[in-house]
Amino acid sequence: MDNSSGVGVLDKAALVLSALESGPATLAGLVGATGLARPTAHRLAVALEHHRMVARDMQGRFILGPRLSELAAAAGEDRLLATAGPVLTHLRDVTGESAQLYRRQGDMRICVAAAERLSGLRDTVPVGSTLTMKAGSSAQILMAWEEPERLHRGLQGARFTATALSGVRRRGWAQSIGEREPGVASVSAPVRGPSNRVVAAVSVSGPIERLTRHPGRMHAQAVIDAAGRLSEALRRTG
């Protein structure tokens, strides 16, 4: 099959990146893998390095650069947000409660998408709101699968315990009753990226009067299903 796009320099740059997909390469390795002339391979690799699409390892070999990870993360974010609207709307309709999507940002979590209740008391969190990582069911989700050291740090001053997070990991969902805000209950589940890492949390929230003191019994399955649909969207390529 002809892989030529008609733009020679881009085709050659793509050959270099594809060669590095299988691991670090010396200049000689790049020449062998791409079939490019040595000066051409060197010129392209150095130019890609300038744009952070290629980098060097400790041995000076060429490797894929950090810019590619940033672009991949942005593509995943776009895919997540593009899918989030209909998924959250469906979750709201099924549960009758406000639905939100949270991502972690440093020591806070940010609401990146939401679907409000259509009538009555609106317990929604506006898109763009930053909330604490120390309380709330979505904070539990975003914390539960963290690296041990980050988990230990995150638990300092938190309204939940390591034991509670162990239960979250076992069940696959979290609930909170008046943890972040008095009178408000919520249920959350994890959204996982292609590497199975937790990248976001889907939640429904509302007054304890409606969700009761056991909100997970009412809504855990619906929230898990919504999180699963978003995880599936992130796993799809192209």
Protein backbone atom coordinates (compact mmCIF):
# COMPACT_ATOMS: atom_id res chain seq x y z
CA MET A 1 0.00 0.00 0.00
CA ASP A 2 1.30 3.47 -0.85
CA ASN A 3 1.67 5.49 2.38
CA SER A 4 2.65 8.68 0.56
CA SER A 5 0.54 11.75 1.29
CA GLY A 6 2.22 13.76 -1.45
CA VAL A 7 4.00 15.92 1.15
CA GLY A 8 7.41 14.30 1.23
CA VAL A 9 8.85 15.90 4.35
CA LEU A 10 5.80 14.97 6.42
CA ASP A 11 5.88 11.39 5.14
CA LYS A 12 9.52 11.11 6.19
CA ALA A 13 8.82 12.64 9.61
CA ALA A 14 6.00 10.12 10.07
CA LEU A 15 8.47 7.32 9.21
CA VAL A 16 10.80 8.54 11.98
CA LEU A 17 7.99 8.67 14.57
CA SER A 18 6.71 5.24 13.53
CA ALA A 19 10.22 3.81 13.89
CA LEU A 20 10.47 5.19 17.44
CA GLU A 21 7.12 3.64 18.37
CA SER A 22 8.90 0.33 19.01
CA GLY A 23 11.48 1.91 21.35
CA PRO A 24 14.67 4.00 21.53
CA ALA A 25 16.86 4.14 18.41
CA THR A 26 20.31 5.39 17.52
CA LEU A 27 20.75 7.36 14.32
CA ALA A 28 21.97 4.18 12.63
CA GLY A 29 18.87 2.41 13.94
CA LEU A 30 16.61 5.12 12.49
CA VAL A 31 18.37 4.86 9.12
CA GLY A 32 17.89 1.09 9.11
CA ALA A 33 14.22 1.26 10.17
CA THR A 34 13.16 4.07 7.82
CA GLY A 35 15.36 3.57 4.78
CA LEU A 36 16.11 7.29 4.86
CA ALA A 37 19.56 8.66 4.04
CA ARG A 38 21.61 9.27 7.18
CA PRO A 39 21.72 13.12 6.81
CA THR A 40 17.94 13.20 6.18
CA ALA A 41 17.14 10.98 9.18
CA HIS A 42 19.38 13.12 11.40
CA ARG A 43 17.92 16.41 10.15
CA LEU A 44 14.34 15.22 10.68
CA ALA A 45 15.00 13.72 14.12
CA VAL A 46 16.65 16.95 15.32
CA ALA A 47 13.81 19.05 13.88
CA LEU A 48 11.23 16.84 15.63
CA GLU A 49 13.27 17.16 18.82
CA HIS A 50 13.01 20.95 18.51
CA HIS A 51 9.22 20.57 18.53
CA ARG A 52 9.40 18.11 21.48
CA MET A 53 7.93 15.29 19.36
CA VAL A 54 11.25 13.48 19.70
CA ALA A 55 13.58 13.48 22.72
CA ARG A 56 16.78 11.71 23.82
CA ASP A 57 17.26 9.11 26.52
CA MET A 58 20.22 8.92 28.91
CA GLN A 59 22.26 7.08 26.26
CA GLY A 60 21.57 9.79 23.70
CA ARG A 61 19.22 7.58 21.67
CA PHE A 62 16.15 9.08 20.02
CA ILE A 63 12.80 8.39 21.73
CA LEU A 64 9.24 9.66 21.33
CA GLY A 65 8.93 13.11 22.91
CA PRO A 66 6.64 14.61 25.58
CA ARG A 67 4.63 16.68 23.09
CA LEU A 68 3.03 13.47 21.77
CA SER A 69 1.76 12.61 25.26
CA GLU A 70 0.30 16.11 25.60
CA LEU A 71 -1.49 15.81 22.26
CA ALA A 72 -2.79 12.34 23.15
CA ALA A 73 -4.13 13.66 26.47
CA ALA A 74 -5.86 16.55 24.67
CA ALA A 75 -7.41 14.13 22.18
CA GLY A 76 -8.66 11.98 25.06
CA GLU A 77 -10.09 15.05 26.79
CA ASP A 78 -11.93 16.09 23.63
CA ARG A 79 -13.33 12.58 23.19
CA LEU A 80 -14.40 12.48 26.83
CA LEU A 81 -16.17 15.84 26.66
CA ALA A 82 -17.77 15.08 23.29
CA THR A 83 -19.31 11.93 24.74
CA ALA A 84 -20.10 13.35 28.18
CA GLY A 85 -23.12 15.46 27.16
CA PRO A 86 -25.48 12.69 26.04
CA VAL A 87 -24.21 10.26 28.71
CA LEU A 88 -24.81 12.74 31.55
CA THR A 89 -28.20 13.70 30.13
CA HIS A 90 -29.24 10.05 30.05
CA LEU A 91 -27.94 9.55 33.61
CA ARG A 92 -29.94 12.57 34.79
CA ASP A 93 -33.07 11.27 33.07
CA VAL A 94 -32.67 7.78 34.53
CA THR A 95 -31.99 8.94 38.11
CA GLY A 96 -33.93 12.21 38.18
CA GLU A 97 -30.88 13.88 39.75
CA SER A 98 -28.21 16.31 38.58
CA ALA A 99 -25.25 14.55 36.95
CA GLN A 100 -21.64 15.75 36.81
CA LEU A 101 -18.26 14.74 35.40
CA TYR A 102 -15.13 15.60 37.42
CA ARG A 103 -11.43 15.50 36.61
CA ARG A 104 -8.59 15.94 39.05
CA GLN A 105 -6.49 19.07 38.72
CA GLY A 106 -3.63 19.13 41.23
CA ASP A 107 -5.10 19.12 44.72
CA MET A 108 -8.58 20.03 43.50
CA ARG A 109 -11.23 18.50 41.25
CA ILE A 110 -12.96 20.41 38.51
CA CYS A 111 -16.45 19.91 37.11
CA VAL A 112 -15.87 19.60 33.35
CA ALA A 113 -19.45 18.71 32.32
CA ALA A 114 -22.89 18.59 33.94
CA ALA A 115 -26.58 17.93 33.28
CA GLU A 116 -29.02 19.80 35.55
CA ARG A 117 -32.38 18.63 36.80
CA LEU A 118 -35.08 20.13 34.63
CA SER A 119 -37.36 21.23 37.46
CA GLY A 120 -37.55 21.69 41.20
CA LEU A 121 -34.54 22.27 43.43
CA ARG A 122 -31.38 22.28 41.33
CA ASP A 123 -28.45 20.79 43.18
CA THR A 124 -26.12 21.18 40.27
CA VAL A 125 -22.45 22.12 40.30
CA PRO A 126 -21.67 24.67 37.55
CA VAL A 127 -19.20 23.59 34.87
CA GLY A 128 -15.77 24.99 35.74
CA SER A 129 -16.32 24.80 39.50
CA THR A 130 -13.32 23.63 41.50
CA LEU A 131 -14.07 21.54 44.57
CA THR A 132 -12.00 19.94 47.28
CA MET A 133 -10.33 16.54 46.96
CA LYS A 134 -10.86 16.05 50.71
CA ALA A 135 -14.60 15.29 50.63
CA GLY A 136 -17.34 13.99 48.36
CA SER A 137 -17.89 10.74 46.48
CA SER A 138 -16.15 11.86 43.28
CA ALA A 139 -13.09 12.90 45.33
CA GLN A 140 -13.07 9.37 46.76
CA ILE A 141 -13.13 7.93 43.23
CA LEU A 142 -10.35 10.20 41.96
CA MET A 143 -8.24 9.33 45.03
CA ALA A 144 -8.93 5.60 45.50
CA TRP A 145 -6.70 4.27 42.70
CA GLU A 146 -3.83 6.73 43.20
CA GLU A 147 -0.20 5.69 43.80
CA PRO A 148 0.31 4.78 47.50
CA GLU A 149 2.42 7.86 48.29
CA ARG A 150 -0.01 10.30 46.66
CA LEU A 151 -2.91 8.44 48.31
CA HIS A 152 -1.30 8.79 51.73
CA ARG A 153 -0.75 12.54 51.21
CA GLY A 154 -4.28 13.01 49.91
CA LEU A 155 -5.83 11.36 52.97
CA GLN A 156 -4.34 13.95 55.31
CA GLY A 157 -7.25 16.11 56.43
CA ALA A 158 -9.75 14.19 54.29
CA ARG A 159 -13.31 13.41 55.42
CA PHE A 160 -12.84 9.78 54.31
CA THR A 161 -10.34 7.11 55.38
CA ALA A 162 -8.02 4.58 53.73
CA THR A 163 -10.48 1.87 54.80
CA ALA A 164 -13.32 3.68 53.04
CA LEU A 165 -11.25 3.92 49.84
CA SER A 166 -10.45 0.21 50.06
CA GLY A 167 -14.22 -0.38 50.01
CA VAL A 168 -14.55 1.94 47.02
CA ARG A 169 -11.97 -0.06 45.07
CA ARG A 170 -13.72 -3.31 45.97
CA ARG A 171 -17.23 -2.10 45.01
CA GLY A 172 -16.24 0.07 42.06
CA TRP A 173 -18.32 3.04 43.24
CA ALA A 174 -18.43 5.59 46.09
CA GLN A 175 -21.14 7.42 48.00
CA SER A 176 -21.14 10.39 50.32
CA ILE A 177 -23.81 11.67 52.70
CA GLY A 178 -23.33 15.26 53.81
CA GLU A 179 -19.57 14.87 53.40
CA ARG A 180 -18.82 17.95 51.28
CA GLU A 181 -22.01 19.90 51.92
CA PRO A 182 -24.61 19.34 54.66
CA GLY A 183 -27.84 17.83 53.38
CA VAL A 184 -26.39 16.71 50.03
CA ALA A 185 -25.71 13.10 49.03
CA SER A 186 -23.92 11.76 45.95
CA VAL A 187 -22.83 8.59 44.17
CA SER A 188 -19.81 8.36 41.85
CA ALA A 189 -18.01 5.81 39.65
CA PRO A 190 -14.66 5.85 37.80
CA VAL A 191 -14.07 6.61 34.12
CA ARG A 192 -10.97 4.77 32.87
CA GLY A 193 -8.70 5.69 29.99
CA PRO A 194 -7.15 3.26 27.48
CA SER A 195 -4.43 2.25 29.98
CA ASN A 196 -7.16 1.49 32.58
CA ARG A 197 -6.07 4.48 34.67
CA VAL A 198 -8.88 6.43 36.35
CA VAL A 199 -9.12 9.74 34.46
CA ALA A 200 -12.47 11.10 35.68
CA ALA A 201 -15.43 10.49 37.96
CA VAL A 202 -19.13 10.47 37.01
CA SER A 203 -21.54 11.54 39.77
CA VAL A 204 -25.16 12.13 40.58
CA SER A 205 -25.98 14.40 43.50
CA GLY A 206 -29.06 15.70 45.27
CA PRO A 207 -30.62 16.29 48.69
CA ILE A 208 -30.47 13.46 51.22
CA GLU A 209 -34.28 13.64 51.39
CA ARG A 210 -34.40 12.24 47.85
CA LEU A 211 -31.25 10.16 47.69
CA THR A 212 -31.67 8.82 51.27
CA ARG A 213 -28.80 7.91 53.55
CA HIS A 214 -27.97 4.97 51.24
CA PRO A 215 -27.73 6.68 47.84
CA GLY A 216 -25.64 3.86 46.38
CA ARG A 217 -28.54 1.43 46.69
CA MET A 218 -30.64 3.70 44.48
CA HIS A 219 -28.18 4.93 41.89
CA ALA A 220 -24.86 3.03 41.92
CA GLN A 221 -25.74 0.85 38.93
CA ALA A 222 -26.87 3.77 36.77
CA VAL A 223 -23.69 5.72 37.61
CA ILE A 224 -21.48 2.67 36.90
CA ASP A 225 -23.24 2.19 33.54
CA ALA A 226 -22.64 5.86 32.62
CA ALA A 227 -18.96 5.63 33.62
CA GLY A 228 -18.66 2.47 31.53
CA ARG A 229 -20.04 4.22 28.46
CA LEU A 230 -17.51 7.03 28.84
CA SER A 231 -14.66 4.57 29.41
CA GLU A 232 -15.65 2.74 26.25
CA ALA A 233 -15.62 6.02 24.28
CA LEU A 234 -12.05 6.67 25.46
CA ARG A 235 -10.95 3.18 24.45
CA ARG A 236 -12.20 3.65 20.89
CA THR A 237 -9.61 4.92 18.46
CA GLY A 238 -10.17 6.97 15.37
